[in-house]
C-alpha cells in the first residue's frame, strides 16, 4: 500500500498491486486493473519509487531471521 494525494489535497492509500498504468498528461493519471482512473499530485517517478520501497519492505518482512 502506498500513500498518494488527490488534486484536492486529500491523501489516500492505494494498493500498488492494482496499478495497471501510470501516465503524466500533464496530471498524473493512475489506471487500476479495474479500469478506474485516479488523478494524483505525485509524479509517475514518485509513485514508482514508493511502489519499489513498499515491495522492498514486504520482502524484508518475509526474510527469515
PDB file of N, CA and C in Angstrom:
ATOM      1  N   UNK A   1       0.848  -1.170   0.000  1.00  0.00           N
ATOM      2  CA  UNK A   1       0.000   0.000   0.000  1.00  0.00           C
ATOM      3  C   UNK A   1       0.897   1.237   0.000  1.00  0.00           C
ATOM      4  N   UNK A   2       0.529   2.202  -0.833  1.00  0.00           N
ATOM      5  CA  UNK A   2       1.295   3.450  -0.901  1.00  0.00           C
ATOM      6  C   UNK A   2       0.346   4.626  -0.681  1.00  0.00           C
ATOM      7  N   UNK A   3       0.883   5.688  -0.123  1.00  0.00           N
ATOM      8  CA  UNK A   3       0.109   6.891   0.117  1.00  0.00           C
ATOM      9  C   UNK A   3       0.262   7.830  -1.067  1.00  0.00           C
ATOM     10  N   UNK A   4      -0.862   8.355  -1.572  1.00  0.00           N
ATOM     11  CA  UNK A   4      -0.863   9.322  -2.661  1.00  0.00           C
ATOM     12  C   UNK A   4      -1.861  10.429  -2.340  1.00  0.00           C
ATOM     13  N   UNK A   5      -1.848  11.498  -3.134  1.00  0.00           N
ATOM     14  CA  UNK A   5      -2.667  12.670  -2.846  1.00  0.00           C
ATOM     15  C   UNK A   5      -3.519  13.031  -4.058  1.00  0.00           C
ATOM     16  N   UNK A   6      -4.808  13.199  -3.828  1.00  0.00           N
ATOM     17  CA  UNK A   6      -5.698  13.667  -4.899  1.00  0.00           C
ATOM     18  C   UNK A   6      -5.377  15.135  -5.199  1.00  0.00           C
ATOM     19  N   UNK A   7      -5.865  15.641  -6.307  1.00  0.00           N
ATOM     20  CA  UNK A   7      -5.609  17.035  -6.671  1.00  0.00           C
ATOM     21  C   UNK A   7      -6.180  18.004  -5.647  1.00  0.00           C
ATOM     22  N   UNK A   8      -7.250  17.597  -4.928  1.00  0.00           N
ATOM     23  CA  UNK A   8      -7.854  18.476  -3.930  1.00  0.00           C
ATOM     24  C   UNK A   8      -7.099  18.457  -2.596  1.00  0.00           C
ATOM     25  N   UNK A   9      -5.989  17.705  -2.528  1.00  0.00           N
ATOM     26  CA  UNK A   9      -5.159  17.681  -1.325  1.00  0.00           C
ATOM     27  C   UNK A   9      -5.457  16.536  -0.375  1.00  0.00           C
ATOM     28  N   UNK A  10      -6.489  15.776  -0.627  1.00  0.00           N
ATOM     29  CA  UNK A  10      -6.835  14.656   0.258  1.00  0.00           C
ATOM     30  C   UNK A  10      -5.934  13.467  -0.020  1.00  0.00           C
ATOM     31  N   UNK A  11      -5.328  12.967   1.039  1.00  0.00           N
ATOM     32  CA  UNK A  11      -4.451  11.802   0.926  1.00  0.00           C
ATOM     33  C   UNK A  11      -5.281  10.530   1.022  1.00  0.00           C
ATOM     34  N   UNK A  12      -4.815   9.495   0.324  1.00  0.00           N
ATOM     35  CA  UNK A  12      -5.440   8.183   0.444  1.00  0.00           C
ATOM     36  C   UNK A  12      -4.385   7.124   0.197  1.00  0.00           C
ATOM     37  N   UNK A  13      -4.719   5.907   0.572  1.00  0.00           N
ATOM     38  CA  UNK A  13      -3.792   4.795   0.436  1.00  0.00           C
ATOM     39  C   UNK A  13      -4.255   3.925  -0.724  1.00  0.00           C
ATOM     40  N   UNK A  14      -3.313   3.576  -1.585  1.00  0.00           N
ATOM     41  CA  UNK A  14      -3.602   2.830  -2.800  1.00  0.00           C
ATOM     42  C   UNK A  14      -2.888   1.482  -2.760  1.00  0.00           C
ATOM     43  N   UNK A  15      -3.607   0.426  -3.087  1.00  0.00           N
ATOM     44  CA  UNK A  15      -2.998  -0.891  -3.192  1.00  0.00           C
ATOM     45  C   UNK A  15      -2.181  -0.914  -4.482  1.00  0.00           C
ATOM     46  N   UNK A  16      -0.872  -0.910  -4.354  1.00  0.00           N
ATOM     47  CA  UNK A  16       0.000  -0.794  -5.522  1.00  0.00           C
ATOM     48  C   UNK A  16      -0.087  -2.006  -6.448  1.00  0.00           C
ATOM     49  N   UNK A  17      -0.575  -3.113  -5.960  1.00  0.00           N
ATOM     50  CA  UNK A  17      -0.714  -4.297  -6.802  1.00  0.00           C
ATOM     51  C   UNK A  17      -1.863  -4.160  -7.798  1.00  0.00           C
ATOM     52  N   UNK A  18      -2.705  -3.145  -7.626  1.00  0.00           N
ATOM     53  CA  UNK A  18      -3.842  -2.936  -8.521  1.00  0.00           C
ATOM     54  C   UNK A  18      -3.537  -1.954  -9.651  1.00  0.00           C
ATOM     55  N   UNK A  19      -2.315  -1.395  -9.679  1.00  0.00           N
ATOM     56  CA  UNK A  19      -1.957  -0.418 -10.699  1.00  0.00           C
ATOM     57  C   UNK A  19      -1.692  -1.125 -12.026  1.00  0.00           C
ATOM     58  N   UNK A  20      -2.372  -0.658 -13.071  1.00  0.00           N
ATOM     59  CA  UNK A  20      -2.124  -1.164 -14.428  1.00  0.00           C
ATOM     60  C   UNK A  20      -1.141  -0.237 -15.136  1.00  0.00           C
ATOM     61  N   UNK A  21      -1.437   1.075 -15.155  1.00  0.00           N
ATOM     62  CA  UNK A  21      -0.544   2.031 -15.812  1.00  0.00           C
ATOM     63  C   UNK A  21      -0.498   3.335 -15.027  1.00  0.00           C
ATOM     64  N   UNK A  22       0.570   4.092 -15.271  1.00  0.00           N
ATOM     65  CA  UNK A  22       0.734   5.437 -14.720  1.00  0.00           C
ATOM     66  C   UNK A  22       1.167   6.315 -15.884  1.00  0.00           C
ATOM     67  N   UNK A  23       0.464   7.435 -16.087  1.00  0.00           N
ATOM     68  CA  UNK A  23       0.860   8.343 -17.164  1.00  0.00           C
ATOM     69  C   UNK A  23       0.740   9.789 -16.709  1.00  0.00           C
ATOM     70  N   UNK A  24       1.558  10.644 -17.295  1.00  0.00           N
ATOM     71  CA  UNK A  24       1.521  12.073 -16.997  1.00  0.00           C
ATOM     72  C   UNK A  24       1.090  12.806 -18.253  1.00  0.00           C
ATOM     73  N   UNK A  25       0.043  13.675 -18.090  1.00  0.00           N
ATOM     74  CA  UNK A  25      -0.504  14.312 -19.295  1.00  0.00           C
ATOM     75  C   UNK A  25      -1.211  15.621 -18.999  1.00  0.00           C
ATOM     76  N   UNK A  26      -0.798  16.657 -18.379  1.00  0.00           N
ATOM     77  CA  UNK A  26       0.360  16.773 -17.508  1.00  0.00           C
ATOM     78  C   UNK A  26       0.085  16.246 -16.105  1.00  0.00           C
ATOM     79  N   UNK A  27      -1.218  16.109 -15.719  1.00  0.00           N
ATOM     80  CA  UNK A  27      -1.525  15.498 -14.416  1.00  0.00           C
ATOM     81  C   UNK A  27      -1.157  14.025 -14.461  1.00  0.00           C
ATOM     82  N   UNK A  28      -0.863  13.467 -13.295  1.00  0.00           N
ATOM     83  CA  UNK A  28      -0.544  12.048 -13.222  1.00  0.00           C
ATOM     84  C   UNK A  28      -1.843  11.268 -13.089  1.00  0.00           C
ATOM     85  N   UNK A  29      -2.039  10.333 -14.008  1.00  0.00           N
ATOM     86  CA  UNK A  29      -3.241   9.500 -14.021  1.00  0.00           C
ATOM     87  C   UNK A  29      -2.829   8.062 -13.766  1.00  0.00           C
ATOM     88  N   UNK A  30      -3.368   7.490 -12.697  1.00  0.00           N
ATOM     89  CA  UNK A  30      -3.111   6.096 -12.365  1.00  0.00           C
ATOM     90  C   UNK A  30      -4.332   5.305 -12.814  1.00  0.00           C
ATOM     91  N   UNK A  31      -4.116   4.307 -13.655  1.00  0.00           N
ATOM     92  CA  UNK A  31      -5.196   3.442 -14.092  1.00  0.00           C
ATOM     93  C   UNK A  31      -5.050   2.119 -13.366  1.00  0.00           C
ATOM     94  N   UNK A  32      -6.142   1.685 -12.739  1.00  0.00           N
ATOM     95  CA  UNK A  32      -6.138   0.427 -12.000  1.00  0.00           C
ATOM     96  C   UNK A  32      -6.565  -0.719 -12.904  1.00  0.00           C
ATOM     97  N   UNK A  33      -6.340  -1.943 -12.458  1.00  0.00           N
ATOM     98  CA  UNK A  33      -6.714  -3.099 -13.270  1.00  0.00           C
ATOM     99  C   UNK A  33      -8.222  -3.179 -13.478  1.00  0.00           C
ATOM    100  N   UNK A  34      -8.983  -2.501 -12.632  1.00  0.00           N
ATOM    101  CA  UNK A  34     -10.444  -2.465 -12.778  1.00  0.00           C
ATOM    102  C   UNK A  34     -10.881  -1.499 -13.882  1.00  0.00           C
ATOM    103  N   UNK A  35      -9.937  -0.669 -14.365  1.00  0.00           N
ATOM    104  CA  UNK A  35     -10.246   0.347 -15.360  1.00  0.00           C
ATOM    105  C   UNK A  35     -10.493   1.716 -14.751  1.00  0.00           C
ATOM    106  N   UNK A  36     -10.576   1.786 -13.423  1.00  0.00           N
ATOM    107  CA  UNK A  36     -10.787   3.066 -12.738  1.00  0.00           C
ATOM    108  C   UNK A  36      -9.548   3.947 -12.914  1.00  0.00           C
ATOM    109  N   UNK A  37      -9.770   5.250 -13.107  1.00  0.00           N
ATOM    110  CA  UNK A  37      -8.683   6.219 -13.262  1.00  0.00           C
ATOM    111  C   UNK A  37      -8.634   7.116 -12.030  1.00  0.00           C
ATOM    112  N   UNK A  38      -7.440   7.329 -11.506  1.00  0.00           N
ATOM    113  CA  UNK A  38      -7.236   8.206 -10.364  1.00  0.00           C
ATOM    114  C   UNK A  38      -6.247   9.285 -10.772  1.00  0.00           C
ATOM    115  N   UNK A  39      -6.583  10.543 -10.517  1.00  0.00           N
ATOM    116  CA  UNK A  39      -5.682  11.659 -10.810  1.00  0.00           C
ATOM    117  C   UNK A  39      -5.039  12.070  -9.498  1.00  0.00           C
ATOM    118  N   UNK A  40      -3.705  12.086  -9.473  1.00  0.00           N
ATOM    119  CA  UNK A  40      -2.976  12.361  -8.236  1.00  0.00           C
ATOM    120  C   UNK A  40      -1.926  13.445  -8.457  1.00  0.00           C
ATOM    121  N   UNK A  41      -1.464  14.018  -7.350  1.00  0.00           N
ATOM    122  CA  UNK A  41      -0.457  15.088  -7.401  1.00  0.00           C
ATOM    123  C   UNK A  41       0.949  14.562  -7.642  1.00  0.00           C
ATOM    124  N   UNK A  42       1.243  13.363  -7.179  1.00  0.00           N
ATOM    125  CA  UNK A  42       2.590  12.817  -7.282  1.00  0.00           C
ATOM    126  C   UNK A  42       2.947  12.536  -8.741  1.00  0.00           C
ATOM    127  N   UNK A  43       4.231  12.645  -9.049  1.00  0.00           N
ATOM    128  CA  UNK A  43       4.696  12.313 -10.398  1.00  0.00           C
ATOM    129  C   UNK A  43       4.762  10.795 -10.552  1.00  0.00           C
ATOM    130  N   UNK A  44       4.839  10.348 -11.773  1.00  0.00           N
ATOM    131  CA  UNK A  44       4.957   8.909 -12.003  1.00  0.00           C
ATOM    132  C   UNK A  44       6.240   8.382 -11.354  1.00  0.00           C
ATOM    133  N   UNK A  45       7.294   9.174 -11.406  1.00  0.00           N
ATOM    134  CA  UNK A  45       8.560   8.765 -10.786  1.00  0.00           C
ATOM    135  C   UNK A  45       8.402   8.559  -9.280  1.00  0.00           C
ATOM    136  N   UNK A  46       7.682   9.472  -8.616  1.00  0.00           N
ATOM    137  CA  UNK A  46       7.439   9.345  -7.171  1.00  0.00           C
ATOM    138  C   UNK A  46       6.628   8.086  -6.865  1.00  0.00           C
ATOM    139  N   UNK A  47       5.609   7.832  -7.654  1.00  0.00           N
ATOM    140  CA  UNK A  47       4.767   6.659  -7.423  1.00  0.00           C
ATOM    141  C   UNK A  47       5.571   5.383  -7.611  1.00  0.00           C
ATOM    142  N   UNK A  48       6.362   5.327  -8.672  1.00  0.00           N
ATOM    143  CA  UNK A  48       7.191   4.144  -8.913  1.00  0.00           C
ATOM    144  C   UNK A  48       8.155   3.929  -7.751  1.00  0.00           C
ATOM    145  N   UNK A  49       8.766   5.005  -7.257  1.00  0.00           N
ATOM    146  CA  UNK A  49       9.694   4.878  -6.125  1.00  0.00           C
ATOM    147  C   UNK A  49       8.981   4.358  -4.882  1.00  0.00           C
ATOM    148  N   UNK A  50       7.770   4.816  -4.627  1.00  0.00           N
ATOM    149  CA  UNK A  50       7.010   4.346  -3.464  1.00  0.00           C
ATOM    150  C   UNK A  50       6.645   2.868  -3.597  1.00  0.00           C
ATOM    151  N   UNK A  51       6.304   2.451  -4.807  1.00  0.00           N
ATOM    152  CA  UNK A  51       5.986   1.043  -5.045  1.00  0.00           C
ATOM    153  C   UNK A  51       7.228   0.182  -4.805  1.00  0.00           C
ATOM    154  N   UNK A  52       8.375   0.629  -5.304  1.00  0.00           N
ATOM    155  CA  UNK A  52       9.625  -0.109  -5.094  1.00  0.00           C
ATOM    156  C   UNK A  52       9.936  -0.222  -3.605  1.00  0.00           C
ATOM    157  N   UNK A  53       9.825   0.898  -2.880  1.00  0.00           N
ATOM    158  CA  UNK A  53      10.092   0.888  -1.437  1.00  0.00           C
ATOM    159  C   UNK A  53       9.127  -0.034  -0.705  1.00  0.00           C
ATOM    160  N   UNK A  54       7.871  -0.005  -1.076  1.00  0.00           N
ATOM    161  CA  UNK A  54       6.872  -0.870  -0.442  1.00  0.00           C
ATOM    162  C   UNK A  54       7.210  -2.343  -0.698  1.00  0.00           C
ATOM    163  N   UNK A  55       7.568  -2.677  -1.923  1.00  0.00           N
ATOM    164  CA  UNK A  55       7.909  -4.065  -2.239  1.00  0.00           C
ATOM    165  C   UNK A  55       9.167  -4.519  -1.502  1.00  0.00           C
ATOM    166  N   UNK A  56      10.138  -3.628  -1.364  1.00  0.00           N
ATOM    167  CA  UNK A  56      11.337  -3.957  -0.573  1.00  0.00           C
ATOM    168  C   UNK A  56      10.962  -4.228   0.879  1.00  0.00           C
ATOM    169  N   UNK A  57      10.064  -3.402   1.410  1.00  0.00           N
ATOM    170  CA  UNK A  57       9.604  -3.582   2.789  1.00  0.00           C
ATOM    171  C   UNK A  57       8.937  -4.957   2.940  1.00  0.00           C
ATOM    172  N   UNK A  58       8.086  -5.334   1.994  1.00  0.00           N
ATOM    173  CA  UNK A  58       7.420  -6.638   2.065  1.00  0.00           C
ATOM    174  C   UNK A  58       8.430  -7.780   2.030  1.00  0.00           C
ATOM    175  N   UNK A  59       9.414  -7.669   1.167  1.00  0.00           N
ATOM    176  CA  UNK A  59      10.438  -8.727   1.077  1.00  0.00           C
ATOM    177  C   UNK A  59      11.244  -8.832   2.366  1.00  0.00           C
ATOM    178  N   UNK A  60      11.494  -7.693   3.007  1.00  0.00           N
ATOM    179  CA  UNK A  60      12.271  -7.724   4.260  1.00  0.00           C
ATOM    180  C   UNK A  60      11.475  -8.402   5.367  1.00  0.00           C
ATOM    181  N   UNK A  61      10.169  -8.331   5.327  1.00  0.00           N
ATOM    182  CA  UNK A  61       9.337  -8.991   6.332  1.00  0.00           C
ATOM    183  C   UNK A  61       9.333 -10.512   6.166  1.00  0.00           C
ATOM    184  N   UNK A  62       9.507 -10.969   4.932  1.00  0.00           N
ATOM    185  CA  UNK A  62       9.436 -12.408   4.678  1.00  0.00           C
ATOM    186  C   UNK A  62      10.807 -13.081   4.756  1.00  0.00           C
ATOM    187  N   UNK A  63      11.877 -12.295   4.974  1.00  0.00           N
ATOM    188  CA  UNK A  63      13.222 -12.859   5.085  1.00  0.00           C
ATOM    189  C   UNK A  63      13.388 -13.489   6.462  1.00  0.00           C
ATOM    190  N   UNK A  64      13.791 -14.772   6.490  1.00  0.00           N
ATOM    191  CA  UNK A  64      13.976 -15.425   7.794  1.00  0.00           C
ATOM    192  C   UNK A  64      15.091 -14.771   8.595  1.00  0.00           C
ATOM    193  N   UNK A  65      14.918 -14.703   9.885  1.00  0.00           N
ATOM    194  CA  UNK A  65      15.906 -14.056  10.763  1.00  0.00           C
ATOM    195  C   UNK A  65      17.044 -14.979  11.082  1.00  0.00           C
TER     196      UNK A  65
END
